C-alpha atoms as a PDB file:
ATOM      1  CA  MET A   1     224.218  20.176 113.461  1.00  0.00           C
ATOM      2  CA  ASP A   2     227.727  19.008 112.324  1.00  0.00           C
ATOM      3  CA  GLN A   3     227.191  20.122 108.742  1.00  0.00           C
ATOM      4  CA  THR A   4     228.444  23.236 107.443  1.00  0.00           C
ATOM      5  CA  ILE A   5     226.370  25.748 105.426  1.00  0.00           C
ATOM      6  CA  ALA A   6     227.719  28.171 103.008  1.00  0.00           C
ATOM      7  CA  PHE A   7     225.410  31.000 101.960  1.00  0.00           C
ATOM      8  CA  LEU A   8     226.801  32.485  98.583  1.00  0.00           C
ATOM      9  CA  GLY A   9     225.472  35.950  97.492  1.00  0.00           C
ATOM     10  CA  GLY A  10     222.151  37.415  97.569  1.00  0.00           C
ATOM     11  CA  ASP A  11     220.770  40.561  99.445  1.00  0.00           C
ATOM     12  CA  ALA A  12     219.684  41.506 103.211  1.00  0.00           C
ATOM     13  CA  ARG A  13     217.349  38.532 103.248  1.00  0.00           C
ATOM     14  CA  MET A  14     220.244  35.985 102.600  1.00  0.00           C
ATOM     15  CA  ARG A  15     222.449  37.924 105.459  1.00  0.00           C
ATOM     16  CA  LEU A  16     219.799  37.958 107.951  1.00  0.00           C
ATOM     17  CA  LEU A  17     218.742  34.290 107.056  1.00  0.00           C
ATOM     18  CA  ALA A  18     222.699  33.191 107.444  1.00  0.00           C
ATOM     19  CA  GLN A  19     222.610  34.952 111.091  1.00  0.00           C
ATOM     20  CA  MET A  20     219.538  33.242 111.993  1.00  0.00           C
ATOM     21  CA  MET A  21     220.622  29.826 111.044  1.00  0.00           C
ATOM     22  CA  ALA A  22     224.028  30.405 112.835  1.00  0.00           C
ATOM     23  CA  ALA A  23     221.828  31.551 115.847  1.00  0.00           C
ATOM     24  CA  GLU A  24     220.045  28.329 115.687  1.00  0.00           C
ATOM     25  CA  GLY A  25     223.421  26.441 116.072  1.00  0.00           C
ATOM     26  CA  TYR A  26     224.281  25.559 112.430  1.00  0.00           C
ATOM     27  CA  ASP A  27     227.848  25.818 111.282  1.00  0.00           C
ATOM     28  CA  VAL A  28     227.550  28.940 109.021  1.00  0.00           C
ATOM     29  CA  CYS A  29     230.169  30.444 106.398  1.00  0.00           C
ATOM     30  CA  SER A  30     229.437  32.838 103.675  1.00  0.00           C
ATOM     31  CA  TRP A  31     230.719  34.453 100.394  1.00  0.00           C
ATOM     32  CA  GLU A  32     230.029  37.889  98.939  1.00  0.00           C
ATOM     33  CA  LEU A  33     227.323  38.448 101.346  1.00  0.00           C
ATOM     34  CA  THR A  34     228.228  41.521 103.521  1.00  0.00           C
ATOM     35  CA  GLY A  35     227.621  41.165 107.706  1.00  0.00           C
ATOM     36  CA  ALA A  36     226.933  37.493 107.286  1.00  0.00           C
ATOM     37  CA  PRO A  37     228.875  35.144 109.638  1.00  0.00           C
ATOM     38  CA  LYS A  38     232.151  33.614 108.829  1.00  0.00           C
ATOM     39  CA  PRO A  39     232.891  35.313 105.371  1.00  0.00           C
ATOM     40  CA  LEU A  40     235.631  33.169 103.282  1.00  0.00           C
ATOM     41  CA  ALA A  41     237.004  32.870  99.937  1.00  0.00           C
ATOM     42  CA  LEU A  42     234.801  31.120  97.475  1.00  0.00           C
ATOM     43  CA  CYS A  43     237.220  28.195  97.139  1.00  0.00           C
ATOM     44  CA  ASP A  44     237.105  27.862 101.088  1.00  0.00           C
ATOM     45  CA  ALA A  45     232.942  28.211 101.088  1.00  0.00           C
ATOM     46  CA  LEU A  46     232.553  25.607  98.736  1.00  0.00           C
ATOM     47  CA  LYS A  47     234.011  23.009 101.150  1.00  0.00           C
ATOM     48  CA  ALA A  48     230.755  23.308 103.008  1.00  0.00           C
ATOM     49  CA  ASP A  49     228.331  20.407 102.868  1.00  0.00           C
ATOM     50  CA  ILE A  50     225.200  22.526 102.120  1.00  0.00           C
ATOM     51  CA  ILE A  51     225.041  25.389  99.695  1.00  0.00           C
ATOM     52  CA  VAL A  52     222.515  28.047  99.895  1.00  0.00           C
ATOM     53  CA  LEU A  53     221.884  30.280  97.121  1.00  0.00           C
ATOM     54  CA  PRO A  54     219.755  33.409  96.944  1.00  0.00           C
ATOM     55  CA  LEU A  55     216.135  34.077  95.976  1.00  0.00           C
ATOM     56  CA  PRO A  56     216.161  34.589  93.121  1.00  0.00           C
ATOM     57  CA  ALA A  57     219.362  32.464  92.502  1.00  0.00           C
ATOM     58  CA  GLU A  58     220.358  34.570  89.544  1.00  0.00           C
ATOM     59  CA  LYS A  59     219.841  37.900  87.744  1.00  0.00           C
ATOM     60  CA  ASN A  60     220.950  38.249  84.155  1.00  0.00           C
ATOM     61  CA  GLY A  61     222.873  34.990  84.387  1.00  0.00           C
ATOM     62  CA  TYR A  62     224.891  36.124  87.327  1.00  0.00           C
ATOM     63  CA  LEU A  63     224.603  34.590  90.980  1.00  0.00           C
ATOM     64  CA  SER A  64     222.417  37.215  92.611  1.00  0.00           C
ATOM     65  CA  GLY A  65     224.493  39.921  94.497  1.00  0.00           C
ATOM     66  CA  THR A  66     227.620  38.869  92.773  1.00  0.00           C
ATOM     67  CA  GLU A  67     229.731  39.279  89.741  1.00  0.00           C
ATOM     68  CA  LEU A  68     229.945  35.358  89.388  1.00  0.00           C
ATOM     69  CA  THR A  69     228.271  33.735  86.366  1.00  0.00           C
ATOM     70  CA  MET A  70     225.654  31.046  87.248  1.00  0.00           C
ATOM     71  CA  GLU A  71     227.398  28.712  84.921  1.00  0.00           C
ATOM     72  CA  SER A  72     230.971  29.295  86.883  1.00  0.00           C
ATOM     73  CA  LEU A  73     229.384  28.586  90.087  1.00  0.00           C
ATOM     74  CA  LEU A  74     227.456  25.255  88.998  1.00  0.00           C
ATOM     75  CA  ARG A  75     230.751  24.104  87.348  1.00  0.00           C
ATOM     76  CA  SER A  76     232.442  24.731  90.960  1.00  0.00           C
ATOM     77  CA  LEU A  77     230.137  22.506  92.608  1.00  0.00           C
ATOM     78  CA  ARG A  78     230.355  19.067  93.521  1.00  0.00           C
ATOM     79  CA  ARG A  79     227.679  16.254  93.021  1.00  0.00           C
ATOM     80  CA  GLU A  80     227.743  15.512  96.866  1.00  0.00           C
ATOM     81  CA  HIS A  81     226.826  19.032  97.896  1.00  0.00           C
ATOM     82  CA  ARG A  82     223.376  19.491  99.098  1.00  0.00           C
ATOM     83  CA  ILE A  83     222.204  22.648  96.977  1.00  0.00           C
ATOM     84  CA  PHE A  84     219.268  24.776  97.896  1.00  0.00           C
ATOM     85  CA  ALA A  85     218.196  27.904  95.867  1.00  0.00           C
ATOM     86  CA  GLY A  86     215.133  30.044  95.261  1.00  0.00           C
ATOM     87  CA  ASN A  87     213.532  30.471  92.060  1.00  0.00           C
ATOM     88  CA  VAL A  88     215.882  28.606  89.749  1.00  0.00           C
ATOM     89  CA  GLY A  89     215.836  29.525  86.314  1.00  0.00           C
ATOM     90  CA  ASN A  90     215.387  26.768  83.367  1.00  0.00           C
ATOM     91  CA  ASP A  91     218.854  27.313  82.141  1.00  0.00           C
ATOM     92  CA  ALA A  92     220.358  26.762  85.186  1.00  0.00           C
ATOM     93  CA  SER A  93     218.181  23.813  86.179  1.00  0.00           C
ATOM     94  CA  THR A  94     219.243  22.284  82.863  1.00  0.00           C
ATOM     95  CA  LEU A  95     222.831  22.733  83.388  1.00  0.00           C
ATOM     96  CA  ALA A  96     222.679  21.548  86.850  1.00  0.00           C
ATOM     97  CA  GLN A  97     221.141  18.349  85.712  1.00  0.00           C
ATOM     98  CA  SER A  98     223.791  17.744  82.926  1.00  0.00           C
ATOM     99  CA  LEU A  99     226.424  18.128  85.739  1.00  0.00           C
ATOM    100  CA  GLY A 100     224.830  15.680  88.014  1.00  0.00           C
ATOM    101  CA  LEU A 101     223.993  18.132  90.414  1.00  0.00           C
ATOM    102  CA  THR A 102     220.784  18.067  92.475  1.00  0.00           C
ATOM    103  CA  ILE A 103     219.178  21.600  93.315  1.00  0.00           C
ATOM    104  CA  THR A 104     215.905  21.853  95.731  1.00  0.00           C
ATOM    105  CA  ASP A 105     214.260  24.996  94.715  1.00  0.00           C
ATOM    106  CA  TYR A 106     213.035  26.241  98.362  1.00  0.00           C
ATOM    107  CA  PHE A 107     210.551  28.706  96.658  1.00  0.00           C
ATOM    108  CA  ALA A 108     208.836  26.103  95.021  1.00  0.00           C
ATOM    109  CA  SER A 109     207.526  25.350  98.389  1.00  0.00           C
ATOM    110  CA  GLU A 110     203.708  26.330  98.843  1.00  0.00           C
ATOM    111  CA  GLU A 111     204.369  27.442 102.371  1.00  0.00           C
ATOM    112  CA  LEU A 112     206.970  29.801 101.589  1.00  0.00           C
ATOM    113  CA  SER A 113     205.018  31.296  98.521  1.00  0.00           C
ATOM    114  CA  VAL A 114     202.089  31.900 100.939  1.00  0.00           C
ATOM    115  CA  ARG A 115     204.376  33.488 103.482  1.00  0.00           C
ATOM    116  CA  ASN A 116     206.271  35.573 100.849  1.00  0.00           C
ATOM    117  CA  ALA A 117     202.698  37.054  99.510  1.00  0.00           C
ATOM    118  CA  ILE A 118     202.328  39.071 103.102  1.00  0.00           C
ATOM    119  CA  PRO A 119     205.406  41.243 102.451  1.00  0.00           C
ATOM    120  CA  THR A 120     204.600  41.381  98.934  1.00  0.00           C
ATOM    121  CA  ALA A 121     201.172  42.922  99.646  1.00  0.00           C
ATOM    122  CA  GLU A 122     202.225  45.190 102.161  1.00  0.00           C
ATOM    123  CA  GLY A 123     204.958  46.788  99.793  1.00  0.00           C
ATOM    124  CA  ALA A 124     202.488  46.879  97.043  1.00  0.00           C
ATOM    125  CA  ILE A 125     200.162  48.992  99.413  1.00  0.00           C
ATOM    126  CA  GLU A 126     203.098  51.117 100.541  1.00  0.00           C
ATOM    127  CA  ALA A 127     204.048  51.877  96.894  1.00  0.00           C
ATOM    128  CA  ALA A 128     200.379  52.824  96.213  1.00  0.00           C
ATOM    129  CA  MET A 129     200.363  55.249  99.129  1.00  0.00           C
ATOM    130  CA  LYS A 130     203.754  56.657  98.058  1.00  0.00           C
ATOM    131  CA  HIS A 131     202.906  57.205  94.699  1.00  0.00           C
ATOM    132  CA  THR A 132     199.181  58.436  94.785  1.00  0.00           C
ATOM    133  CA  SER A 133     197.947  61.821  96.278  1.00  0.00           C
ATOM    134  CA  VAL A 134     194.814  60.075  97.922  1.00  0.00           C
ATOM    135  CA  THR A 135     194.157  57.919 100.854  1.00  0.00           C
ATOM    136  CA  LEU A 136     193.413  54.195 100.002  1.00  0.00           C
ATOM    137  CA  HIS A 137     190.460  54.401 102.310  1.00  0.00           C
ATOM    138  CA  GLY A 138     187.467  54.893 100.115  1.00  0.00           C
ATOM    139  CA  THR A 139     189.584  54.559  96.863  1.00  0.00           C
ATOM    140  CA  PRO A 140     188.399  52.131  94.405  1.00  0.00           C
ATOM    141  CA  CYS A 141     191.011  49.639  93.510  1.00  0.00           C
ATOM    142  CA  LEU A 142     191.389  46.628  91.241  1.00  0.00           C
ATOM    143  CA  VAL A 143     193.349  43.362  91.915  1.00  0.00           C
ATOM    144  CA  LEU A 144     193.978  41.449  88.955  1.00  0.00           C
ATOM    145  CA  GLY A 145     194.278  37.682  89.828  1.00  0.00           C
ATOM    146  CA  PHE A 146     193.196  35.965  92.920  1.00  0.00           C
ATOM    147  CA  GLY A 147     196.269  33.784  93.558  1.00  0.00           C
ATOM    148  CA  ARG A 148     198.359  33.776  96.822  1.00  0.00           C
ATOM    149  CA  ILE A 149     199.375  37.591  96.361  1.00  0.00           C
ATOM    150  CA  GLY A 150     195.908  38.564  95.337  1.00  0.00           C
ATOM    151  CA  LYS A 151     194.291  37.067  98.142  1.00  0.00           C
ATOM    152  CA  VAL A 152     196.526  38.689 100.674  1.00  0.00           C
ATOM    153  CA  LEU A 153     196.518  41.990  98.919  1.00  0.00           C
ATOM    154  CA  ALA A 154     192.723  42.144  98.767  1.00  0.00           C
ATOM    155  CA  HIS A 155     192.347  41.397 102.387  1.00  0.00           C
ATOM    156  CA  ASP A 156     194.852  43.993 103.182  1.00  0.00           C
ATOM    157  CA  LEU A 157     193.522  46.745 100.963  1.00  0.00           C
ATOM    158  CA  SER A 158     189.914  45.852 102.406  1.00  0.00           C
ATOM    159  CA  ALA A 159     191.096  46.345 105.787  1.00  0.00           C
ATOM    160  CA  LEU A 160     192.380  49.864 105.034  1.00  0.00           C
ATOM    161  CA  GLY A 161     188.715  50.798 103.970  1.00  0.00           C
ATOM    162  CA  ALA A 162     189.682  50.634 100.231  1.00  0.00           C
ATOM    163  CA  LYS A 163     186.839  49.780  97.603  1.00  0.00           C
ATOM    164  CA  VAL A 164     188.218  46.359  96.503  1.00  0.00           C
ATOM    165  CA  SER A 165     187.248  44.617  93.265  1.00  0.00           C
ATOM    166  CA  VAL A 166     189.155  41.536  92.078  1.00  0.00           C
ATOM    167  CA  SER A 167     189.265  39.695  88.738  1.00  0.00           C
ATOM    168  CA  ALA A 168     189.408  35.990  88.389  1.00  0.00           C
ATOM    169  CA  ARG A 169     188.513  33.634  85.741  1.00  0.00           C
ATOM    170  CA  LYS A 170     187.483  30.380  87.929  1.00  0.00           C
ATOM    171  CA  ARG A 171     183.838  30.436  88.795  1.00  0.00           C
ATOM    172  CA  SER A 172     185.021  29.379  92.314  1.00  0.00           C
ATOM    173  CA  ASP A 173     187.505  32.327  92.732  1.00  0.00           C
ATOM    174  CA  LEU A 174     184.784  34.591  91.726  1.00  0.00           C
ATOM    175  CA  ALA A 175     182.357  32.920  94.356  1.00  0.00           C
ATOM    176  CA  TRP A 176     185.248  33.101  96.982  1.00  0.00           C
ATOM    177  CA  ILE A 177     185.880  36.972  95.922  1.00  0.00           C
ATOM    178  CA  ASP A 178     182.030  37.481  96.494  1.00  0.00           C
ATOM    179  CA  ALA A 179     182.070  35.737  99.720  1.00  0.00           C
ATOM    180  CA  PHE A 180     184.954  37.974 101.283  1.00  0.00           C
ATOM    181  CA  GLY A 181     183.033  41.106 100.207  1.00  0.00           C
ATOM    182  CA  TYR A 182     184.973  42.119  97.328  1.00  0.00           C
ATOM    183  CA  ALA A 183     183.493  42.978  93.946  1.00  0.00           C
ATOM    184  CA  PRO A 184     184.007  40.313  91.695  1.00  0.00           C
ATOM    185  CA  LEU A 185     184.899  40.681  87.884  1.00  0.00           C
ATOM    186  CA  HIS A 186     185.473  38.158  85.558  1.00  0.00           C
ATOM    187  CA  THR A 187     188.935  38.605  83.626  1.00  0.00           C
ATOM    188  CA  ASN A 188     187.428  38.015  80.060  1.00  0.00           C
ATOM    189  CA  ARG A 189     184.475  40.484  80.747  1.00  0.00           C
ATOM    190  CA  LEU A 190     186.442  43.798  81.954  1.00  0.00           C
ATOM    191  CA  SER A 191     185.121  45.837  79.261  1.00  0.00           C
ATOM    192  CA  GLY A 192     182.930  48.626  80.433  1.00  0.00           C
ATOM    193  CA  THR A 193     183.976  48.096  84.216  1.00  0.00           C
ATOM    194  CA  LEU A 194     187.308  49.962  84.514  1.00  0.00           C
ATOM    195  CA  GLY A 195     186.593  53.825  84.469  1.00  0.00           C
ATOM    196  CA  GLU A 196     186.700  54.476  88.314  1.00  0.00           C
ATOM    197  CA  PHE A 197     189.747  52.637  89.475  1.00  0.00           C
ATOM    198  CA  ARG A 198     192.439  54.800  90.958  1.00  0.00           C
ATOM    199  CA  VAL A 199     195.094  52.085  91.338  1.00  0.00           C
ATOM    200  CA  VAL A 200     195.081  48.623  89.563  1.00  0.00           C
ATOM    201  CA  PHE A 201     197.470  45.957  91.131  1.00  0.00           C
ATOM    202  CA  ASN A 202     198.481  43.067  88.644  1.00  0.00           C
ATOM    203  CA  THR A 203     199.552  39.756  90.189  1.00  0.00           C
ATOM    204  CA  VAL A 204     198.919  37.767  86.984  1.00  0.00           C
ATOM    205  CA  PRO A 205     202.113  36.783  84.795  1.00  0.00           C
ATOM    206  CA  HIS A 206     200.598  37.405  81.429  1.00  0.00           C
ATOM    207  CA  GLN A 207     198.580  40.332  79.623  1.00  0.00           C
ATOM    208  CA  VAL A 208     195.477  41.063  80.951  1.00  0.00           C
ATOM    209  CA  LEU A 209     194.641  44.764  80.026  1.00  0.00           C
ATOM    210  CA  ASP A 210     195.062  45.377  76.294  1.00  0.00           C
ATOM    211  CA  GLU A 211     195.060  48.921  74.789  1.00  0.00           C
ATOM    212  CA  ALA A 212     191.328  49.072  74.453  1.00  0.00           C
ATOM    213  CA  LEU A 213     190.928  48.189  78.341  1.00  0.00           C
ATOM    214  CA  LEU A 214     193.715  50.738  79.514  1.00  0.00           C
ATOM    215  CA  ALA A 215     192.038  53.364  77.666  1.00  0.00           C
ATOM    216  CA  GLU A 216     188.834  53.010  79.995  1.00  0.00           C
ATOM    217  CA  LEU A 217     190.945  53.840  83.140  1.00  0.00           C
ATOM    218  CA  PRO A 218     191.206  57.264  84.449  1.00  0.00           C
ATOM    219  CA  PRO A 219     194.369  59.317  83.351  1.00  0.00           C
ATOM    220  CA  ASP A 220     195.520  59.560  87.002  1.00  0.00           C
ATOM    221  CA  CYS A 221     195.206  55.860  87.578  1.00  0.00           C
ATOM    222  CA  LEU A 222     198.327  54.076  88.962  1.00  0.00           C
ATOM    223  CA  LEU A 223     199.399  50.667  87.747  1.00  0.00           C
ATOM    224  CA  ILE A 224     201.562  48.543  90.157  1.00  0.00           C
ATOM    225  CA  GLU A 225     203.154  45.420  88.502  1.00  0.00           C
ATOM    226  CA  LEU A 226     203.682  42.527  90.981  1.00  0.00           C
ATOM    227  CA  ALA A 227     204.016  39.668  88.383  1.00  0.00           C
ATOM    228  CA  SER A 228     207.191  38.363  86.761  1.00  0.00           C
ATOM    229  CA  ALA A 229     205.731  39.269  83.507  1.00  0.00           C
ATOM    230  CA  SER A 230     203.603  42.126  82.793  1.00  0.00           C
ATOM    231  CA  GLY A 231     199.737  41.888  82.836  1.00  0.00           C
ATOM    232  CA  PHE A 232     199.565  45.333  80.885  1.00  0.00           C
ATOM    233  CA  ASP A 233     200.190  46.400  77.367  1.00  0.00           C
ATOM    234  CA  MET A 234     203.464  48.313  77.862  1.00  0.00           C
ATOM    235  CA  ASP A 235     203.074  50.099  74.535  1.00  0.00           C
ATOM    236  CA  ALA A 236     199.583  51.247  75.189  1.00  0.00           C
ATOM    237  CA  VAL A 237     200.678  52.327  78.913  1.00  0.00           C
ATOM    238  CA  GLU A 238     203.376  54.707  77.475  1.00  0.00           C
ATOM    239  CA  THR A 239     201.174  55.896  74.535  1.00  0.00           C
ATOM    240  CA  LEU A 240     198.305  56.673  77.219  1.00  0.00           C
ATOM    241  CA  ARG A 241     200.766  58.057  79.546  1.00  0.00           C
ATOM    242  CA  LEU A 242     199.434  56.069  82.528  1.00  0.00           C
ATOM    243  CA  SER A 243     201.769  55.896  85.534  1.00  0.00           C
ATOM    244  CA  TYR A 244     203.443  52.584  85.836  1.00  0.00           C
ATOM    245  CA  LEU A 245     205.434  50.913  88.649  1.00  0.00           C
ATOM    246  CA  LYS A 246     207.305  47.921  88.486  1.00  0.00           C
ATOM    247  CA  ALA A 247     207.118  46.626  91.948  1.00  0.00           C
ATOM    248  CA  GLY A 248     209.342  43.556  91.890  1.00  0.00           C
ATOM    249  CA  GLY A 249     211.319  41.732  94.733  1.00  0.00           C
ATOM    250  CA  LEU A 250     209.308  43.544  97.491  1.00  0.00           C
ATOM    251  CA  PRO A 251     209.816  41.238 100.321  1.00  0.00           C
ATOM    252  CA  GLY A 252     213.605  41.716 100.161  1.00  0.00           C
ATOM    253  CA  ARG A 253     213.430  45.427 100.048  1.00  0.00           C
ATOM    254  CA  VAL A 254     210.506  46.252 102.421  1.00  0.00           C
ATOM    255  CA  ALA A 255     210.724  43.421 104.996  1.00  0.00           C
ATOM    256  CA  PRO A 256     213.980  41.602 104.785  1.00  0.00           C
ATOM    257  CA  GLU A 257     213.673  40.183 108.238  1.00  0.00           C
ATOM    258  CA  THR A 258     210.234  38.740 107.702  1.00  0.00           C
ATOM    259  CA  ALA A 259     211.314  37.368 104.370  1.00  0.00           C
ATOM    260  CA  ALA A 260     214.425  35.685 105.751  1.00  0.00           C
ATOM    261  CA  ARG A 261     212.231  34.029 108.578  1.00  0.00           C
ATOM    262  CA  ALA A 262     209.923  32.642 106.073  1.00  0.00           C
ATOM    263  CA  ILE A 263     212.836  31.226 104.216  1.00  0.00           C
ATOM    264  CA  LYS A 264     214.317  29.865 107.452  1.00  0.00           C
ATOM    265  CA  LYS A 265     211.135  27.807 108.157  1.00  0.00           C
ATOM    266  CA  THR A 266     211.342  26.092 104.840  1.00  0.00           C
ATOM    267  CA  LEU A 267     214.842  25.699 104.528  1.00  0.00           C
ATOM    268  CA  CYS A 268     215.110  24.092 108.150  1.00  0.00           C
ATOM    269  CA  ARG A 269     212.464  21.829 106.986  1.00  0.00           C
ATOM    270  CA  LEU A 270     213.967  20.827 103.759  1.00  0.00           C
ATOM    271  CA  ILE A 271     217.474  20.211 105.454  1.00  0.00           C
ATOM    272  CA  LYS A 272     215.751  17.890 107.840  1.00  0.00           C
ATOM    273  CA  GLU A 273     213.847  16.037 105.355  1.00  0.00           C
ATOM    274  CA  GLU A 274     216.780  15.414 103.072  1.00  0.00           C
ATOM    275  CA  ALA A 275     219.129  14.370 105.773  1.00  0.00           C
END
C-alpha cells in the first residue's frame, strides 16, 4: 500500500474513515478534517496519489466541511489523481470532465446505498420517537416509497410493532409489500386512505402528497422527509400547520462509525479494482 490517500473535508464519517484506512495500513493524510491522521496544508495534501472527498462532496458550491469552493478544489487537482467522492453534483461533474479529471462517485455503488439505508432508517425512527408523544408500537405509520430506505424502514417499524402501510406504484412492489405483511397502498390512489396515520415518512424525491391529500391527515400527524426533494406540498404543510421534519444526512449524524465502515468497504473495493 505505497500510495498516499488524502482525505479532504467532511464530517465525523470522513474522520473515522480516514482513521480506519490508516489502521488498514494505508498511508493517509488529511486537510480540514479535525482528528484525522496526519493533517497537512492543502498544497501538501494534494501531493497524494488518491484524493477522497466527502459524502456529499459539496454543499452550496463548497467542499463539504470547508470554506473552499468546489471549483477551486477541482482546478487544483491533477489529471493523474485518482479521485473518489460521494454524491457528486452535475456542475462539479461537468467541470471535472472539462478539466480532464476522472471522479469515481462511491455513493453510486448499490452496495453502499443499501448499507446507508440502515442508519437512515434508524435515524428516521429515532426522530419519530423524539418528536411524537406516543410509542411507535401500535401506531399507524405510512412509508412513501419502497426503495432501499423504504424497505429497511418498513422492516424496522414493523419490528417495533408499528402498524405499517407502504405506498408504491409498481405492482411487483405492492406484491412484496403485501408479502412482508405491510398494508400496500397504490401511490396514485391514496385519496381516502390517510385519515389515521400519526407519522408519514417520505423516501420519494418528488411530490407525492398534495394539499388535498395532506388535508386528510390528522392534525397531530408528523411528516418526516428523508428524500433529497420534498414529497410534500410545502405550502400546504404550512397552511395546514402540520409538523414537518427535514431529516437529511442521518447516517453521518446518528451513526457515523457505521456509515464510515460502509464507505470503507466500497472505497477499498474501488481502489483495488481501479489499481
